[in-house]
Protein backbone atom coordinates (compact mmCIF):
# COMPACT_ATOMS: atom_id res chain seq x y z
CA MET A 1 87.41 278.47 182.10
CA ALA A 2 84.87 278.83 178.95
CA LYS A 3 82.01 277.04 180.41
CA GLN A 4 79.11 276.68 177.98
CA PRO A 5 75.02 277.08 178.64
CA ALA A 6 73.43 274.33 177.34
CA LYS A 7 70.46 276.24 175.62
CA GLY A 8 73.62 277.36 172.88
CA MET A 9 74.08 273.85 171.54
CA ALA A 10 73.31 273.14 167.79
CA VAL A 11 72.42 269.84 166.35
CA TYR A 12 72.16 269.01 162.82
CA PHE A 13 70.75 265.81 161.36
CA ASP A 14 71.61 265.70 157.63
CA GLU A 15 69.88 268.86 156.43
CA PHE A 16 67.38 269.11 159.61
CA VAL A 17 68.14 271.47 162.56
CA PHE A 18 66.91 269.28 165.61
CA SER A 19 68.16 271.77 168.40
CA SER A 20 64.35 272.92 168.85
CA TYR A 21 63.04 269.30 169.10
CA LEU A 22 65.82 267.97 171.91
CA ASN A 23 66.15 268.72 175.36
CA SER A 24 69.10 266.83 175.91
CA THR A 25 71.84 265.61 173.54
CA ASP A 26 74.79 262.89 174.47
CA GLN A 27 78.07 261.93 172.56
CA THR A 28 80.53 259.36 173.75
CA ILE A 29 83.55 258.25 172.30
CA THR A 30 85.23 254.93 173.36
CA PRO A 31 88.50 253.70 172.53
CA GLU A 32 89.65 250.20 172.49
CA THR A 33 92.20 249.57 174.94
CA PRO A 34 93.22 246.11 174.55
CA VAL A 35 95.27 244.39 177.38
CA VAL A 36 99.10 243.60 177.03
CA THR A 37 100.32 242.71 180.11
CA SER A 38 103.20 240.04 179.89
CA LEU A 39 104.62 237.82 182.57
CA GLY A 40 107.47 240.18 183.00
CA ASP A 41 105.09 243.48 183.52
CA ALA A 42 105.07 244.57 187.42
CA GLY A 43 101.46 246.02 186.47
CA PRO A 44 98.82 245.93 183.95
CA ARG A 45 99.90 247.16 180.22
CA ARG A 46 97.09 248.73 177.49
CA LEU A 47 97.20 249.59 174.00
CA MET A 48 95.16 252.52 172.73
CA ALA A 49 93.38 250.87 169.40
CA ASN A 50 90.74 251.99 167.31
CA TYR A 51 87.45 254.02 168.72
CA ASP A 52 83.71 253.64 168.48
CA VAL A 53 81.33 256.66 168.42
CA SER A 54 77.64 256.29 169.85
CA HIS A 55 74.79 259.21 170.06
CA SER A 56 71.75 259.14 172.40
CA ASP A 57 69.67 262.05 171.75
CA GLN A 58 66.24 263.16 173.76
CA GLY A 59 63.52 265.12 172.58
CA PHE A 60 59.70 265.97 171.92
CA MET A 61 57.44 264.58 169.39
CA ASP A 62 56.63 267.02 166.63
CA THR A 63 53.96 265.23 164.11
CA LEU A 64 53.55 267.97 161.60
CA ASP A 65 54.52 267.42 157.42
CA ASP A 66 58.30 266.81 157.17
CA SER A 67 59.10 267.10 160.97
CA TYR A 68 61.14 265.70 163.56
CA ASP A 69 58.57 262.77 163.83
CA GLU A 70 58.60 262.06 160.02
CA GLN A 71 62.49 262.68 159.54
CA LEU A 72 63.31 260.22 161.59
CA PHE A 73 61.15 257.73 160.60
CA THR A 74 62.31 258.03 157.30
CA ALA A 75 65.79 258.02 157.86
CA MET A 76 65.41 254.81 160.06
CA GLY A 77 64.56 253.03 157.20
CA GLU A 78 67.58 254.41 155.00
CA ALA A 79 70.30 251.79 154.63
CA GLY A 80 72.93 254.84 153.67
CA ASP A 81 74.94 257.03 156.31
CA HIS A 82 73.71 260.22 157.67
CA CYS A 83 75.83 263.87 158.99
CA LEU A 84 75.02 264.13 162.56
CA SER A 85 76.47 267.34 163.93
CA LYS A 86 76.66 268.62 167.55
CA LEU A 87 77.94 272.20 167.83
CA PRO A 88 78.11 273.31 171.53
CA THR A 89 78.22 277.15 170.91
CA GLY A 90 76.37 277.70 168.30
CA ILE A 91 76.97 278.14 163.93
CA ALA A 92 78.96 281.15 163.79
CA GLU A 93 81.69 280.76 161.57
CA ALA A 94 84.74 279.37 163.65
CA SER A 95 83.09 277.44 166.14
CA ILE A 96 83.29 274.29 166.98
CA SER A 97 81.57 271.43 165.48
CA TYR A 98 81.71 267.35 166.09
CA ASP A 99 80.66 266.05 162.81
CA SER A 100 80.09 262.30 162.88
CA LEU A 101 78.29 259.75 160.20
CA VAL A 102 76.10 257.73 161.94
CA LYS A 103 73.27 254.98 161.61
CA ILE A 104 70.19 255.03 163.51
CA SER A 105 70.12 252.14 165.98
CA GLY A 106 67.25 252.88 167.85
CA GLU A 107 64.07 255.21 167.69
CA PRO A 108 61.83 254.69 170.95
CA ARG A 109 58.48 256.91 171.47
CA SER A 110 57.12 257.05 174.58
CA ALA A 111 53.77 258.46 176.48
CA ALA A 112 52.95 258.87 179.75
CA VAL A 113 50.17 260.61 181.73
CA GLY A 114 50.77 264.17 182.64
CA GLY A 115 53.90 264.41 180.49
CA ALA A 116 54.98 265.16 176.61
CA ILE A 117 54.75 262.31 174.19
CA LEU A 118 58.52 261.74 173.53
CA LEU A 119 60.60 261.20 170.94
CA ASN A 120 64.74 259.65 171.41
CA PHE A 121 67.00 258.37 169.02
CA ASP A 122 70.11 256.55 169.38
CA SER A 123 72.71 256.40 166.58
CA GLN A 124 76.13 254.94 166.28
CA GLY A 125 79.19 255.76 164.37
CA SER A 126 79.66 254.67 160.84
CA GLY A 127 82.90 256.53 160.08
CA GLY A 128 85.59 258.61 161.87
CA ILE A 129 84.56 261.52 164.05
CA VAL A 130 85.63 264.87 163.48
CA ARG A 131 86.05 267.92 165.93
CA GLY A 132 86.28 271.04 163.45
CA VAL A 133 85.02 274.27 162.91
CA VAL A 134 81.98 276.41 160.97
CA LEU A 135 83.87 277.57 157.68
CA ARG A 136 80.97 278.96 156.52
CA SER A 137 77.29 279.74 157.88
CA GLY A 138 74.05 281.54 156.71
CA ALA A 139 72.99 282.71 153.50
CA ALA A 140 74.60 281.63 150.31
CA VAL A 141 76.06 283.96 147.95
CA VAL A 142 77.85 283.03 144.99
CA GLY A 143 81.55 283.69 145.31
CA ASN A 144 84.09 283.28 147.81
CA GLY A 145 83.65 282.88 151.73
CA ALA A 146 85.88 284.31 154.06
CA GLY A 147 89.20 282.53 154.84
CA GLN A 148 90.16 281.30 158.00
CA ASN A 149 93.69 279.43 159.26
CA LEU A 150 92.96 276.13 160.08
CA GLY A 151 96.70 275.04 160.12
CA ALA A 152 98.28 272.75 157.77
CA THR A 153 97.72 269.05 157.31
CA VAL A 154 100.10 266.70 156.05
CA ALA A 155 99.69 263.91 153.93
CA GLY A 156 98.17 260.81 155.16
CA GLN A 157 95.77 262.90 157.56
CA GLU A 158 92.21 263.22 156.51
CA LEU A 159 90.48 266.34 156.08
CA ALA A 160 86.87 266.39 156.20
CA VAL A 161 84.09 268.80 155.01
CA MET A 162 80.32 268.08 155.45
CA PHE A 163 78.87 270.90 153.27
CA ARG A 164 75.01 270.83 154.10
CA VAL A 165 72.23 272.80 152.43
CA ILE A 166 69.68 273.82 154.91
CA ALA A 167 67.57 275.51 152.01
CA VAL A 168 67.74 276.29 148.21
CA ALA A 169 65.55 277.79 145.76
CA GLY A 170 65.55 278.61 142.39
CA GLY A 171 68.03 276.63 140.96
CA ASN A 172 71.18 274.47 141.94
CA ILE A 173 73.89 274.87 144.01
CA ILE A 174 77.85 274.02 144.09
CA MET A 175 80.63 274.33 146.84
CA HIS A 176 84.11 273.66 146.92
CA ILE A 177 87.14 273.99 149.38
CA GLU A 178 90.08 276.55 148.15
CA GLY A 179 93.37 276.63 150.20
CA GLY A 180 96.36 278.42 150.56
CA ALA A 181 99.70 279.40 152.69
CA ALA A 182 98.17 282.85 152.93
CA ASP A 183 94.82 284.82 153.20
CA PRO A 184 92.80 284.58 150.73
CA PRO A 185 93.54 281.12 149.79
CA ALA A 186 92.76 280.44 146.09
CA VAL A 187 93.95 277.17 145.03
CA ASP A 188 90.96 274.23 144.76
CA ILE A 189 91.53 271.51 146.89
CA ALA A 190 90.68 268.29 145.05
CA GLY A 191 88.03 266.40 146.09
CA LEU A 192 86.95 268.92 148.77
CA THR A 193 83.73 269.56 146.60
CA THR A 194 79.70 268.82 146.07
CA SER A 195 77.53 267.39 143.36
CA THR A 196 75.42 269.64 141.70
CA MET A 197 72.75 270.12 144.24
CA THR A 198 69.21 271.03 143.98
CA VAL A 199 67.53 270.25 147.05
CA PRO A 200 68.64 270.24 150.92
CA GLY A 201 70.46 267.82 151.69
CA CYS A 202 74.24 266.79 153.08
CA GLU A 203 77.47 265.78 151.50
CA ARG A 204 80.37 264.76 153.57
CA VAL A 205 83.82 264.50 151.09
CA SER A 206 87.33 263.84 152.20
CA THR A 207 91.11 263.87 151.26
CA VAL A 208 94.25 262.90 152.30
CA ALA A 209 96.46 264.91 150.79
CA ALA A 210 98.58 267.43 152.51
CA THR A 211 96.76 270.96 152.42
CA ASN A 212 97.98 274.67 152.94
CA ALA A 213 96.67 276.17 156.53
CA TRP A 214 94.34 278.64 155.18
CA LYS A 215 90.89 277.31 153.78
CA ARG A 216 87.77 278.81 151.94
CA VAL A 217 84.12 278.08 150.80
CA VAL A 218 83.37 279.13 147.09
CA THR A 219 79.98 278.85 146.53
CA ALA A 220 78.72 278.88 142.90
CA GLY A 221 75.44 277.61 140.94
CA THR A 222 71.87 279.01 139.83
CA PHE A 223 70.03 279.32 142.84
CA THR A 224 68.11 282.85 144.18
CA SER A 225 68.70 281.75 147.47
CA ALA A 226 70.15 279.24 149.91
CA THR A 227 71.08 278.57 153.15
CA ILE A 228 74.21 276.82 154.43
CA LEU A 229 76.42 275.24 157.04
CA VAL A 230 80.01 273.97 156.10
CA THR A 231 81.89 272.37 158.82
CA ILE A 232 85.91 271.07 158.04
CA GLY A 233 88.34 269.17 160.38
CA VAL A 234 90.74 266.33 160.69
CA VAL A 235 89.33 262.73 161.68
CA MET A 236 90.08 261.78 164.77
CA GLY A 237 92.75 258.77 164.66
CA THR A 238 94.46 260.18 161.31
CA GLY A 239 97.24 262.39 162.79
């Protein structure tokens, strides 16, 4: 069995790398299982219905400018969804990534004599969760990334992509996904593209159209340097 040490875990919140602040992370998927037992049944009967996703992350306070404390405090006051990704084996391409859209539901800060100041945060799912893979990671260059065979999707399955710009300088960056039946994939997949991004950030886009097995990231723009993380997979519960 491929057991994994926790020290290899990577956690990304929007464009921020939270791994160096956290000492534990939890992700819970809770399915609805309504009781449908009838008078004629010999035992309990249940249906598998929708599901909920929640996260609890524990870490250490960092009060430097634009660091963990400020990033979380700012996020708490924002009404929109946030991108939360948890990668059990790190961010190498083809590594597994659990991607959620979340809203923060709590930020306890605590301190006690003899211990470090703690900053934890809880978040609740605000969209379907994805168990996907890293399609592109690291320094961005204009052009085509390597293709990966991720399997075809059928119409109705929701294929979701999280495009993260961790850092960007010198101009803008635009990314989109191409697909194909063989490598290299070279057909643009409608809807799987970013806006023109000039600052770090995260965008999640998706399609329910059928796609071919091979996918790759194509990068364009006027940037002189950029660091990206692109993850992709099928939304749980969509087939």
